[in-house]
Amino acid sequence: MALLHAAAEVAGSTGWALSVAHVHHGWRGRDADRDLLFVAGHARRLGLPFFHRRRDARAEARRLGLSPEAAARRVRYEALFEMAREAGASRIATAHQRDDCIETHLLARRRRGGLASLAGPRENRADGVVRPLLGVSRREILEFLRSRGITWRRDSSNGDLRLDRNRLRRELAGEEKLEALARRVERLARRRERVERSFEDAVRPAIAFGRNVVIAAAPVLENTPAELRRKAVLECALPFAAPGKAPCTGNEREQIVALLARGRDFRFEAGRRIRFRRRGDRFSVRLAPAAAKKGHKG
């Protein structure tokens, strides 16, 4: 609601043509139905086009073997991109805010995530998703809503302690701690930007993406800093990742990064059935034969 009303306030001066998109995830029964009607009502009062989609996130979780959060995220973005095309929108603005960045950072630490996940959500994604509220706290958002008399609804699933993020949220307390964590995430985000620029300049030209294999110049990866090797390993493996899942675990990624640094031939198969191999100056990544055959049949 804060994102919607703030965007509507400045649309006249920015020239933005706004539309409102809502995704019903198939959770929470009548509560979710009321959410849809609530958002539609705000869009109508603001005179904005309203789009919505219904998805079954639980069925997607079962089909792909994903967590509830990962399945909901997958169907949500698929629906948002579909609605953006229908609306003729060039950007999709989501209301991720500062506290979301902190939670994402802490979850990534627990899962031994790399710099890309430790630095939290990106403000501008290459696919057109933008997150203009990343520097704004939940407290500031609520103050904005109250000052304008704007109503909002609480997602009842936020109290479901079976979800990792909700359990973590319960542990976060104290504005001083949140400020310190926010500064850490901001520093990591700046570092991520530097690493990504260096990667595009120095490493990307050494990687070739084929139909069934990705090949990179092993000496280039061997002689780059560890952060660039981490990014290279993930970039090379992403084409073979299962939907909604990382191509390898944090431990597997670190093992491959270390093997590349040693300068010797190796073969490593990650748990997602992706094979990493160095032979001489050639580093290749492909699906393991059994996984490739299964994917072909599918």
C-alpha atoms as a PDB file:
ATOM      1  CA  MET A   1       0.000   0.000   0.000  1.00  0.00           C
ATOM      2  CA  ALA A   2       2.847   2.400   0.790  1.00  0.00           C
ATOM      3  CA  LEU A   3       4.543   1.678  -2.546  1.00  0.00           C
ATOM      4  CA  LEU A   4       1.278   2.057  -4.458  1.00  0.00           C
ATOM      5  CA  HIS A   5       0.201   5.322  -2.854  1.00  0.00           C
ATOM      6  CA  ALA A   6       3.693   6.857  -2.899  1.00  0.00           C
ATOM      7  CA  ALA A   7       4.053   6.012  -6.602  1.00  0.00           C
ATOM      8  CA  ALA A   8       0.607   7.491  -7.298  1.00  0.00           C
ATOM      9  CA  GLU A   9       1.563  10.712  -5.478  1.00  0.00           C
ATOM     10  CA  VAL A  10       4.598  11.338  -7.687  1.00  0.00           C
ATOM     11  CA  ALA A  11       3.284   9.868 -10.957  1.00  0.00           C
ATOM     12  CA  GLY A  12       2.198  13.287 -12.179  1.00  0.00           C
ATOM     13  CA  SER A  13       5.716  14.711 -11.916  1.00  0.00           C
ATOM     14  CA  THR A  14       7.550  11.594 -13.156  1.00  0.00           C
ATOM     15  CA  GLY A  15       5.316  10.765 -16.104  1.00  0.00           C
ATOM     16  CA  TRP A  16       4.808   7.207 -14.886  1.00  0.00           C
ATOM     17  CA  ALA A  17       1.782   5.321 -16.220  1.00  0.00           C
ATOM     18  CA  LEU A  18       0.870   3.053 -13.311  1.00  0.00           C
ATOM     19  CA  SER A  19      -0.999  -0.233 -13.200  1.00  0.00           C
ATOM     20  CA  VAL A  20      -1.693  -2.399 -10.153  1.00  0.00           C
ATOM     21  CA  ALA A  21      -0.974  -6.151 -10.162  1.00  0.00           C
ATOM     22  CA  HIS A  22      -2.027  -8.658  -7.499  1.00  0.00           C
ATOM     23  CA  VAL A  23      -1.204 -12.364  -7.197  1.00  0.00           C
ATOM     24  CA  HIS A  24      -3.496 -14.735  -5.297  1.00  0.00           C
ATOM     25  CA  HIS A  25      -1.263 -17.661  -4.266  1.00  0.00           C
ATOM     26  CA  GLY A  26      -4.076 -20.054  -3.387  1.00  0.00           C
ATOM     27  CA  TRP A  27      -3.227 -19.832   0.332  1.00  0.00           C
ATOM     28  CA  ARG A  28      -5.302 -18.595   3.264  1.00  0.00           C
ATOM     29  CA  GLY A  29      -8.730 -19.170   1.697  1.00  0.00           C
ATOM     30  CA  ARG A  30     -11.158 -16.324   2.314  1.00  0.00           C
ATOM     31  CA  ASP A  31      -8.420 -14.091   3.758  1.00  0.00           C
ATOM     32  CA  ALA A  32      -6.648 -14.183   0.386  1.00  0.00           C
ATOM     33  CA  ASP A  33      -9.914 -13.513  -1.422  1.00  0.00           C
ATOM     34  CA  ARG A  34     -10.424 -10.448   0.777  1.00  0.00           C
ATOM     35  CA  ASP A  35      -6.858  -9.308   0.031  1.00  0.00           C
ATOM     36  CA  LEU A  36      -7.628  -9.371  -3.676  1.00  0.00           C
ATOM     37  CA  LEU A  37     -10.802  -7.316  -3.227  1.00  0.00           C
ATOM     38  CA  PHE A  38      -8.955  -4.905  -0.918  1.00  0.00           C
ATOM     39  CA  VAL A  39      -6.192  -4.203  -3.477  1.00  0.00           C
ATOM     40  CA  ALA A  40      -8.734  -3.924  -6.289  1.00  0.00           C
ATOM     41  CA  GLY A  41     -10.606  -1.308  -4.242  1.00  0.00           C
ATOM     42  CA  HIS A  42      -7.480   0.812  -3.742  1.00  0.00           C
ATOM     43  CA  ALA A  43      -6.682   0.627  -7.461  1.00  0.00           C
ATOM     44  CA  ARG A  44     -10.235   1.693  -8.313  1.00  0.00           C
ATOM     45  CA  ARG A  45     -10.128   4.679  -5.937  1.00  0.00           C
ATOM     46  CA  LEU A  46      -6.824   5.767  -7.455  1.00  0.00           C
ATOM     47  CA  GLY A  47      -8.221   5.369 -10.970  1.00  0.00           C
ATOM     48  CA  LEU A  48      -5.563   2.817 -11.970  1.00  0.00           C
ATOM     49  CA  PRO A  49      -5.876  -0.299 -14.160  1.00  0.00           C
ATOM     50  CA  PHE A  50      -6.012  -3.457 -12.051  1.00  0.00           C
ATOM     51  CA  PHE A  51      -4.701  -6.892 -13.041  1.00  0.00           C
ATOM     52  CA  HIS A  52      -4.728 -10.084 -11.004  1.00  0.00           C
ATOM     53  CA  ARG A  53      -3.842 -13.747 -11.355  1.00  0.00           C
ATOM     54  CA  ARG A  54      -4.683 -16.822  -9.295  1.00  0.00           C
ATOM     55  CA  ARG A  55      -1.998 -19.450  -8.826  1.00  0.00           C
ATOM     56  CA  ASP A  56      -1.674 -22.662  -6.799  1.00  0.00           C
ATOM     57  CA  ALA A  57       1.629 -22.275  -4.962  1.00  0.00           C
ATOM     58  CA  ARG A  58       1.171 -25.484  -2.949  1.00  0.00           C
ATOM     59  CA  ALA A  59       0.736 -27.547  -6.110  1.00  0.00           C
ATOM     60  CA  GLU A  60       3.855 -25.910  -7.568  1.00  0.00           C
ATOM     61  CA  ALA A  61       5.810 -26.766  -4.402  1.00  0.00           C
ATOM     62  CA  ARG A  62       4.777 -30.434  -4.683  1.00  0.00           C
ATOM     63  CA  ARG A  63       5.452 -30.587  -8.417  1.00  0.00           C
ATOM     64  CA  LEU A  64       8.970 -29.168  -8.206  1.00  0.00           C
ATOM     65  CA  GLY A  65       9.956 -30.282  -4.700  1.00  0.00           C
ATOM     66  CA  LEU A  66      10.313 -26.693  -3.483  1.00  0.00           C
ATOM     67  CA  SER A  67       9.743 -25.062  -0.110  1.00  0.00           C
ATOM     68  CA  PRO A  68       6.442 -23.154   0.233  1.00  0.00           C
ATOM     69  CA  GLU A  69       8.303 -19.819   0.085  1.00  0.00           C
ATOM     70  CA  ALA A  70      10.290 -20.776  -3.031  1.00  0.00           C
ATOM     71  CA  ALA A  71       7.178 -22.035  -4.826  1.00  0.00           C
ATOM     72  CA  ALA A  72       5.218 -18.892  -3.941  1.00  0.00           C
ATOM     73  CA  ARG A  73       8.073 -16.701  -5.177  1.00  0.00           C
ATOM     74  CA  ARG A  74       8.254 -18.655  -8.436  1.00  0.00           C
ATOM     75  CA  VAL A  75       4.536 -18.428  -9.249  1.00  0.00           C
ATOM     76  CA  ARG A  76       4.410 -14.795  -8.106  1.00  0.00           C
ATOM     77  CA  TYR A  77       7.093 -13.584 -10.504  1.00  0.00           C
ATOM     78  CA  GLU A  78       5.735 -15.661 -13.363  1.00  0.00           C
ATOM     79  CA  ALA A  79       2.340 -14.022 -12.827  1.00  0.00           C
ATOM     80  CA  LEU A  80       3.833 -10.538 -12.464  1.00  0.00           C
ATOM     81  CA  PHE A  81       5.741 -10.813 -15.737  1.00  0.00           C
ATOM     82  CA  GLU A  82       2.604 -12.073 -17.462  1.00  0.00           C
ATOM     83  CA  MET A  83       0.585  -9.108 -16.160  1.00  0.00           C
ATOM     84  CA  ALA A  84       3.358  -6.644 -17.045  1.00  0.00           C
ATOM     85  CA  ARG A  85       3.220  -7.835 -20.655  1.00  0.00           C
ATOM     86  CA  GLU A  86      -0.560  -7.448 -20.669  1.00  0.00           C
ATOM     87  CA  ALA A  87      -0.322  -3.942 -19.202  1.00  0.00           C
ATOM     88  CA  GLY A  88       2.546  -2.921 -21.508  1.00  0.00           C
ATOM     89  CA  ALA A  89       4.676  -2.103 -18.453  1.00  0.00           C
ATOM     90  CA  SER A  90       8.452  -1.794 -18.729  1.00  0.00           C
ATOM     91  CA  ARG A  91       9.081  -2.103 -14.969  1.00  0.00           C
ATOM     92  CA  ILE A  92       7.703  -4.226 -12.120  1.00  0.00           C
ATOM     93  CA  ALA A  93       8.013  -2.421  -8.776  1.00  0.00           C
ATOM     94  CA  THR A  94       7.861  -4.570  -5.650  1.00  0.00           C
ATOM     95  CA  ALA A  95       7.703  -3.322  -2.071  1.00  0.00           C
ATOM     96  CA  HIS A  96      10.711  -5.127  -0.600  1.00  0.00           C
ATOM     97  CA  GLN A  97      12.068  -2.902   2.161  1.00  0.00           C
ATOM     98  CA  ARG A  98      15.044  -2.610   4.480  1.00  0.00           C
ATOM     99  CA  ASP A  99      13.896  -5.266   6.957  1.00  0.00           C
ATOM    100  CA  ASP A 100      13.424  -7.732   4.082  1.00  0.00           C
ATOM    101  CA  CYS A 101      17.069  -7.138   3.109  1.00  0.00           C
ATOM    102  CA  ILE A 102      18.187  -7.933   6.655  1.00  0.00           C
ATOM    103  CA  GLU A 103      16.114 -11.118   6.797  1.00  0.00           C
ATOM    104  CA  THR A 104      17.437 -12.262   3.418  1.00  0.00           C
ATOM    105  CA  HIS A 105      20.999 -11.608   4.574  1.00  0.00           C
ATOM    106  CA  LEU A 106      20.576 -13.620   7.777  1.00  0.00           C
ATOM    107  CA  LEU A 107      18.929 -16.525   5.946  1.00  0.00           C
ATOM    108  CA  ALA A 108      21.807 -16.530   3.443  1.00  0.00           C
ATOM    109  CA  ARG A 109      24.326 -16.639   6.292  1.00  0.00           C
ATOM    110  CA  ARG A 110      22.608 -19.672   7.795  1.00  0.00           C
ATOM    111  CA  ARG A 111      22.661 -21.405   4.416  1.00  0.00           C
ATOM    112  CA  ARG A 112      26.270 -20.447   3.660  1.00  0.00           C
ATOM    113  CA  GLY A 113      25.206 -18.299   0.744  1.00  0.00           C
ATOM    114  CA  GLY A 114      27.661 -16.403  -1.407  1.00  0.00           C
ATOM    115  CA  LEU A 115      27.986 -12.657  -1.864  1.00  0.00           C
ATOM    116  CA  ALA A 116      25.039 -12.514  -4.292  1.00  0.00           C
ATOM    117  CA  SER A 117      22.568 -13.676  -1.626  1.00  0.00           C
ATOM    118  CA  LEU A 118      24.313 -12.133   1.400  1.00  0.00           C
ATOM    119  CA  ALA A 119      23.948  -8.679  -0.177  1.00  0.00           C
ATOM    120  CA  GLY A 120      20.156  -9.023  -0.269  1.00  0.00           C
ATOM    121  CA  PRO A 121      17.678  -8.171  -3.020  1.00  0.00           C
ATOM    122  CA  ARG A 122      18.862  -5.965  -5.882  1.00  0.00           C
ATOM    123  CA  GLU A 123      17.387  -2.500  -6.292  1.00  0.00           C
ATOM    124  CA  ASN A 124      17.385  -2.874 -10.093  1.00  0.00           C
ATOM    125  CA  ARG A 125      17.276  -6.257 -11.797  1.00  0.00           C
ATOM    126  CA  ALA A 126      18.181  -6.836 -15.412  1.00  0.00           C
ATOM    127  CA  ASP A 127      14.708  -8.243 -16.101  1.00  0.00           C
ATOM    128  CA  GLY A 128      12.954  -4.979 -15.177  1.00  0.00           C
ATOM    129  CA  VAL A 129      12.104  -5.658 -11.528  1.00  0.00           C
ATOM    130  CA  VAL A 130      12.797  -2.610  -9.350  1.00  0.00           C
ATOM    131  CA  ARG A 131      12.629  -2.258  -5.569  1.00  0.00           C
ATOM    132  CA  PRO A 132      12.516   1.426  -4.661  1.00  0.00           C
ATOM    133  CA  LEU A 133      11.925   0.897  -0.912  1.00  0.00           C
ATOM    134  CA  LEU A 134      15.063  -1.073  -0.004  1.00  0.00           C
ATOM    135  CA  GLY A 135      16.402   1.796   2.090  1.00  0.00           C
ATOM    136  CA  VAL A 136      13.116   2.310   3.959  1.00  0.00           C
ATOM    137  CA  SER A 137      12.358   0.497   7.228  1.00  0.00           C
ATOM    138  CA  ARG A 138       9.094  -1.194   8.142  1.00  0.00           C
ATOM    139  CA  ARG A 139       8.634   1.400  10.905  1.00  0.00           C
ATOM    140  CA  GLU A 140       8.946   4.261   8.410  1.00  0.00           C
ATOM    141  CA  ILE A 141       6.483   2.575   6.052  1.00  0.00           C
ATOM    142  CA  LEU A 142       3.882   2.266   8.815  1.00  0.00           C
ATOM    143  CA  GLU A 143       4.410   5.915   9.760  1.00  0.00           C
ATOM    144  CA  PHE A 144       3.806   6.909   6.121  1.00  0.00           C
ATOM    145  CA  LEU A 145       0.563   4.922   5.982  1.00  0.00           C
ATOM    146  CA  ARG A 146      -0.736   6.255   9.287  1.00  0.00           C
ATOM    147  CA  SER A 147       0.114   9.863   8.398  1.00  0.00           C
ATOM    148  CA  ARG A 148      -2.071   9.598   5.292  1.00  0.00           C
ATOM    149  CA  GLY A 149      -4.818   7.482   6.779  1.00  0.00           C
ATOM    150  CA  ILE A 150      -4.128   4.638   4.353  1.00  0.00           C
ATOM    151  CA  THR A 151      -5.406   1.247   5.448  1.00  0.00           C
ATOM    152  CA  TRP A 152      -3.529  -2.000   4.940  1.00  0.00           C
ATOM    153  CA  ARG A 153      -4.006  -5.691   5.544  1.00  0.00           C
ATOM    154  CA  ARG A 154      -1.768  -8.081   7.422  1.00  0.00           C
ATOM    155  CA  ASP A 155      -0.850 -11.338   5.733  1.00  0.00           C
ATOM    156  CA  SER A 156      -1.925 -13.965   8.273  1.00  0.00           C
ATOM    157  CA  SER A 157       0.733 -16.392   6.976  1.00  0.00           C
ATOM    158  CA  ASN A 158       3.362 -14.081   8.503  1.00  0.00           C
ATOM    159  CA  GLY A 159       2.604 -15.809  11.796  1.00  0.00           C
ATOM    160  CA  ASP A 160       3.232 -19.299  10.400  1.00  0.00           C
ATOM    161  CA  LEU A 161       6.385 -20.447  12.197  1.00  0.00           C
ATOM    162  CA  ARG A 162       6.812 -23.384   9.823  1.00  0.00           C
ATOM    163  CA  LEU A 163       8.275 -20.862   7.372  1.00  0.00           C
ATOM    164  CA  ASP A 164      11.980 -20.065   7.829  1.00  0.00           C
ATOM    165  CA  ARG A 165      11.630 -16.323   7.322  1.00  0.00           C
ATOM    166  CA  ASN A 166       8.848 -16.017   9.892  1.00  0.00           C
ATOM    167  CA  ARG A 167      10.894 -17.832  12.544  1.00  0.00           C
ATOM    168  CA  LEU A 168      13.832 -15.555  11.832  1.00  0.00           C
ATOM    169  CA  ARG A 169      11.621 -12.451  12.002  1.00  0.00           C
ATOM    170  CA  ARG A 170      10.640 -13.365  15.560  1.00  0.00           C
ATOM    171  CA  GLU A 171      14.307 -13.325  16.570  1.00  0.00           C
ATOM    172  CA  LEU A 172      14.993  -9.821  15.241  1.00  0.00           C
ATOM    173  CA  ALA A 173      14.491  -7.136  17.848  1.00  0.00           C
ATOM    174  CA  GLY A 174      15.951  -3.721  18.618  1.00  0.00           C
ATOM    175  CA  GLU A 175      16.361  -0.800  16.243  1.00  0.00           C
ATOM    176  CA  GLU A 176      20.095  -0.513  17.015  1.00  0.00           C
ATOM    177  CA  LYS A 177      20.719  -4.111  15.927  1.00  0.00           C
ATOM    178  CA  LEU A 178      18.624  -3.613  12.797  1.00  0.00           C
ATOM    179  CA  GLU A 179      20.557  -0.457  11.870  1.00  0.00           C
ATOM    180  CA  ALA A 180      23.889  -2.250  12.225  1.00  0.00           C
ATOM    181  CA  LEU A 181      22.674  -5.151  10.083  1.00  0.00           C
ATOM    182  CA  ALA A 182      21.273  -2.748   7.470  1.00  0.00           C
ATOM    183  CA  ARG A 183      24.659  -1.011   7.172  1.00  0.00           C
ATOM    184  CA  ARG A 184      26.367  -4.377   6.745  1.00  0.00           C
ATOM    185  CA  VAL A 185      23.979  -5.360   3.940  1.00  0.00           C
ATOM    186  CA  GLU A 186      24.532  -1.999   2.224  1.00  0.00           C
ATOM    187  CA  ARG A 187      28.311  -2.549   2.297  1.00  0.00           C
ATOM    188  CA  LEU A 188      27.861  -6.036   0.854  1.00  0.00           C
ATOM    189  CA  ALA A 189      25.597  -4.673  -1.882  1.00  0.00           C
ATOM    190  CA  ARG A 190      28.277  -2.158  -2.908  1.00  0.00           C
ATOM    191  CA  ARG A 191      30.863  -4.928  -2.902  1.00  0.00           C
ATOM    192  CA  ARG A 192      28.583  -7.097  -5.031  1.00  0.00           C
ATOM    193  CA  GLU A 193      28.351  -4.284  -7.585  1.00  0.00           C
ATOM    194  CA  ARG A 194      32.163  -4.035  -7.766  1.00  0.00           C
ATOM    195  CA  VAL A 195      32.518  -7.807  -8.157  1.00  0.00           C
ATOM    196  CA  GLU A 196      29.890  -7.919 -10.896  1.00  0.00           C
ATOM    197  CA  ARG A 197      31.578  -5.128 -12.841  1.00  0.00           C
ATOM    198  CA  SER A 198      34.913  -6.926 -12.572  1.00  0.00           C
ATOM    199  CA  PHE A 199      33.277 -10.189 -13.620  1.00  0.00           C
ATOM    200  CA  GLU A 200      31.754  -8.667 -16.749  1.00  0.00           C
ATOM    201  CA  ASP A 201      35.079  -7.076 -17.707  1.00  0.00           C
ATOM    202  CA  ALA A 202      37.532  -9.862 -16.869  1.00  0.00           C
ATOM    203  CA  VAL A 203      35.698 -13.211 -16.690  1.00  0.00           C
ATOM    204  CA  ARG A 204      32.546 -13.155 -18.812  1.00  0.00           C
ATOM    205  CA  PRO A 205      34.534 -13.024 -22.091  1.00  0.00           C
ATOM    206  CA  ALA A 206      36.234 -16.300 -21.070  1.00  0.00           C
ATOM    207  CA  ILE A 207      32.919 -18.228 -20.803  1.00  0.00           C
ATOM    208  CA  ALA A 208      31.046 -19.760 -23.741  1.00  0.00           C
ATOM    209  CA  PHE A 209      27.470 -21.010 -23.331  1.00  0.00           C
ATOM    210  CA  GLY A 210      26.628 -23.943 -25.578  1.00  0.00           C
ATOM    211  CA  ARG A 211      23.406 -25.885 -25.967  1.00  0.00           C
ATOM    212  CA  ASN A 212      24.262 -28.659 -23.499  1.00  0.00           C
ATOM    213  CA  VAL A 213      27.520 -27.478 -21.988  1.00  0.00           C
ATOM    214  CA  VAL A 214      29.173 -24.334 -20.655  1.00  0.00           C
ATOM    215  CA  ILE A 215      32.921 -24.027 -21.231  1.00  0.00           C
ATOM    216  CA  ALA A 216      35.297 -21.552 -19.593  1.00  0.00           C
ATOM    217  CA  ALA A 217      39.026 -20.880 -19.777  1.00  0.00           C
ATOM    218  CA  ALA A 218      40.309 -22.575 -16.629  1.00  0.00           C
ATOM    219  CA  PRO A 219      43.488 -20.449 -16.285  1.00  0.00           C
ATOM    220  CA  VAL A 220      41.357 -17.290 -16.191  1.00  0.00           C
ATOM    221  CA  LEU A 221      39.231 -18.690 -13.343  1.00  0.00           C
ATOM    222  CA  GLU A 222      42.272 -20.043 -11.545  1.00  0.00           C
ATOM    223  CA  ASN A 223      43.958 -16.644 -11.453  1.00  0.00           C
ATOM    224  CA  THR A 224      40.986 -14.492 -10.476  1.00  0.00           C
ATOM    225  CA  PRO A 225      40.034 -13.605  -6.875  1.00  0.00           C
ATOM    226  CA  ALA A 226      37.866 -16.141  -5.048  1.00  0.00           C
ATOM    227  CA  GLU A 227      34.752 -13.944  -5.256  1.00  0.00           C
ATOM    228  CA  LEU A 228      34.985 -13.876  -9.042  1.00  0.00           C
ATOM    229  CA  ARG A 229      35.513 -17.658  -9.145  1.00  0.00           C
ATOM    230  CA  ARG A 230      32.378 -18.124  -7.006  1.00  0.00           C
ATOM    231  CA  LYS A 231      30.347 -16.049  -9.405  1.00  0.00           C
ATOM    232  CA  ALA A 232      31.830 -17.883 -12.397  1.00  0.00           C
ATOM    233  CA  VAL A 233      30.926 -21.283 -10.938  1.00  0.00           C
ATOM    234  CA  LEU A 234      27.323 -20.220 -10.388  1.00  0.00           C
ATOM    235  CA  GLU A 235      27.006 -18.505 -13.774  1.00  0.00           C
ATOM    236  CA  CYS A 236      28.306 -21.613 -15.537  1.00  0.00           C
ATOM    237  CA  ALA A 237      25.954 -23.917 -13.594  1.00  0.00           C
ATOM    238  CA  LEU A 238      22.747 -21.835 -13.686  1.00  0.00           C
ATOM    239  CA  PRO A 239      21.605 -23.085 -17.128  1.00  0.00           C
ATOM    240  CA  PHE A 240      21.368 -26.590 -15.635  1.00  0.00           C
ATOM    241  CA  ALA A 241      19.647 -25.731 -12.348  1.00  0.00           C
ATOM    242  CA  ALA A 242      16.260 -27.245 -11.561  1.00  0.00           C
ATOM    243  CA  PRO A 243      13.377 -24.723 -11.521  1.00  0.00           C
ATOM    244  CA  GLY A 244      13.371 -22.680  -8.344  1.00  0.00           C
ATOM    245  CA  LYS A 245      16.545 -24.292  -6.977  1.00  0.00           C
ATOM    246  CA  ALA A 246      20.205 -23.306  -6.744  1.00  0.00           C
ATOM    247  CA  PRO A 247      22.494 -25.378  -8.984  1.00  0.00           C
ATOM    248  CA  CYS A 248      24.647 -26.423  -6.027  1.00  0.00           C
ATOM    249  CA  THR A 249      24.867 -26.035  -2.267  1.00  0.00           C
ATOM    250  CA  GLY A 250      27.165 -23.542  -0.554  1.00  0.00           C
ATOM    251  CA  ASN A 251      29.539 -26.345   0.484  1.00  0.00           C
ATOM    252  CA  GLU A 252      29.663 -27.732  -3.057  1.00  0.00           C
ATOM    253  CA  ARG A 253      30.318 -24.291  -4.500  1.00  0.00           C
ATOM    254  CA  GLU A 254      33.229 -23.718  -2.120  1.00  0.00           C
ATOM    255  CA  GLN A 255      34.760 -27.086  -2.988  1.00  0.00           C
ATOM    256  CA  ILE A 256      34.660 -26.283  -6.709  1.00  0.00           C
ATOM    257  CA  VAL A 257      36.122 -22.807  -6.103  1.00  0.00           C
ATOM    258  CA  ALA A 258      39.009 -24.398  -4.153  1.00  0.00           C
ATOM    259  CA  LEU A 259      39.604 -27.062  -6.811  1.00  0.00           C
ATOM    260  CA  LEU A 260      39.839 -24.422  -9.535  1.00  0.00           C
ATOM    261  CA  ALA A 261      42.432 -22.511  -7.530  1.00  0.00           C
ATOM    262  CA  ARG A 262      44.740 -25.546  -7.338  1.00  0.00           C
ATOM    263  CA  GLY A 263      45.370 -25.578 -11.071  1.00  0.00           C
ATOM    264  CA  ARG A 264      44.956 -29.345 -11.475  1.00  0.00           C
ATOM    265  CA  ASP A 265      42.460 -31.472 -13.376  1.00  0.00           C
ATOM    266  CA  PHE A 266      39.390 -32.612 -11.438  1.00  0.00           C
ATOM    267  CA  ARG A 267      35.850 -33.883 -11.790  1.00  0.00           C
ATOM    268  CA  PHE A 268      33.106 -32.984  -9.324  1.00  0.00           C
ATOM    269  CA  GLU A 269      29.416 -33.857  -9.393  1.00  0.00           C
ATOM    270  CA  ALA A 270      27.106 -31.635  -7.370  1.00  0.00           C
ATOM    271  CA  GLY A 271      23.989 -32.923  -5.651  1.00  0.00           C
ATOM    272  CA  ARG A 272      21.768 -31.386  -8.328  1.00  0.00           C
ATOM    273  CA  ARG A 273      23.381 -33.855 -10.774  1.00  0.00           C
ATOM    274  CA  ILE A 274      25.535 -31.208 -12.426  1.00  0.00           C
ATOM    275  CA  ARG A 275      29.052 -32.233 -13.436  1.00  0.00           C
ATOM    276  CA  PHE A 276      31.965 -29.800 -13.122  1.00  0.00           C
ATOM    277  CA  ARG A 277      35.205 -30.797 -14.783  1.00  0.00           C
ATOM    278  CA  ARG A 278      38.612 -29.338 -15.469  1.00  0.00           C
ATOM    279  CA  ARG A 279      40.860 -30.862 -18.090  1.00  0.00           C
ATOM    280  CA  GLY A 280      43.912 -28.795 -18.918  1.00  0.00           C
ATOM    281  CA  ASP A 281      42.871 -25.281 -19.831  1.00  0.00           C
ATOM    282  CA  ARG A 282      39.201 -26.213 -20.194  1.00  0.00           C
ATOM    283  CA  PHE A 283      36.613 -25.993 -17.423  1.00  0.00           C
ATOM    284  CA  SER A 284      33.251 -27.471 -18.430  1.00  0.00           C
ATOM    285  CA  VAL A 285      29.863 -27.722 -16.757  1.00  0.00           C
ATOM    286  CA  ARG A 286      27.026 -29.947 -17.927  1.00  0.00           C
ATOM    287  CA  LEU A 287      24.302 -32.198 -16.596  1.00  0.00           C
ATOM    288  CA  ALA A 288      25.488 -35.606 -15.448  1.00  0.00           C
ATOM    289  CA  PRO A 289      24.462 -38.277 -17.999  1.00  0.00           C
ATOM    290  CA  ALA A 290      21.619 -39.738 -15.890  1.00  0.00           C
ATOM    291  CA  ALA A 291      20.173 -36.290 -15.179  1.00  0.00           C
ATOM    292  CA  ALA A 292      20.464 -35.244 -18.821  1.00  0.00           C
ATOM    293  CA  LYS A 293      18.628 -38.384 -19.943  1.00  0.00           C
ATOM    294  CA  LYS A 294      15.871 -37.803 -17.389  1.00  0.00           C
ATOM    295  CA  GLY A 295      15.501 -34.189 -18.497  1.00  0.00           C
ATOM    296  CA  HIS A 296      15.313 -35.260 -22.155  1.00  0.00           C
ATOM    297  CA  LYS A 297      12.499 -37.718 -21.402  1.00  0.00           C
ATOM    298  CA  GLY A 298      10.640 -35.014 -19.488  1.00  0.00           C
END
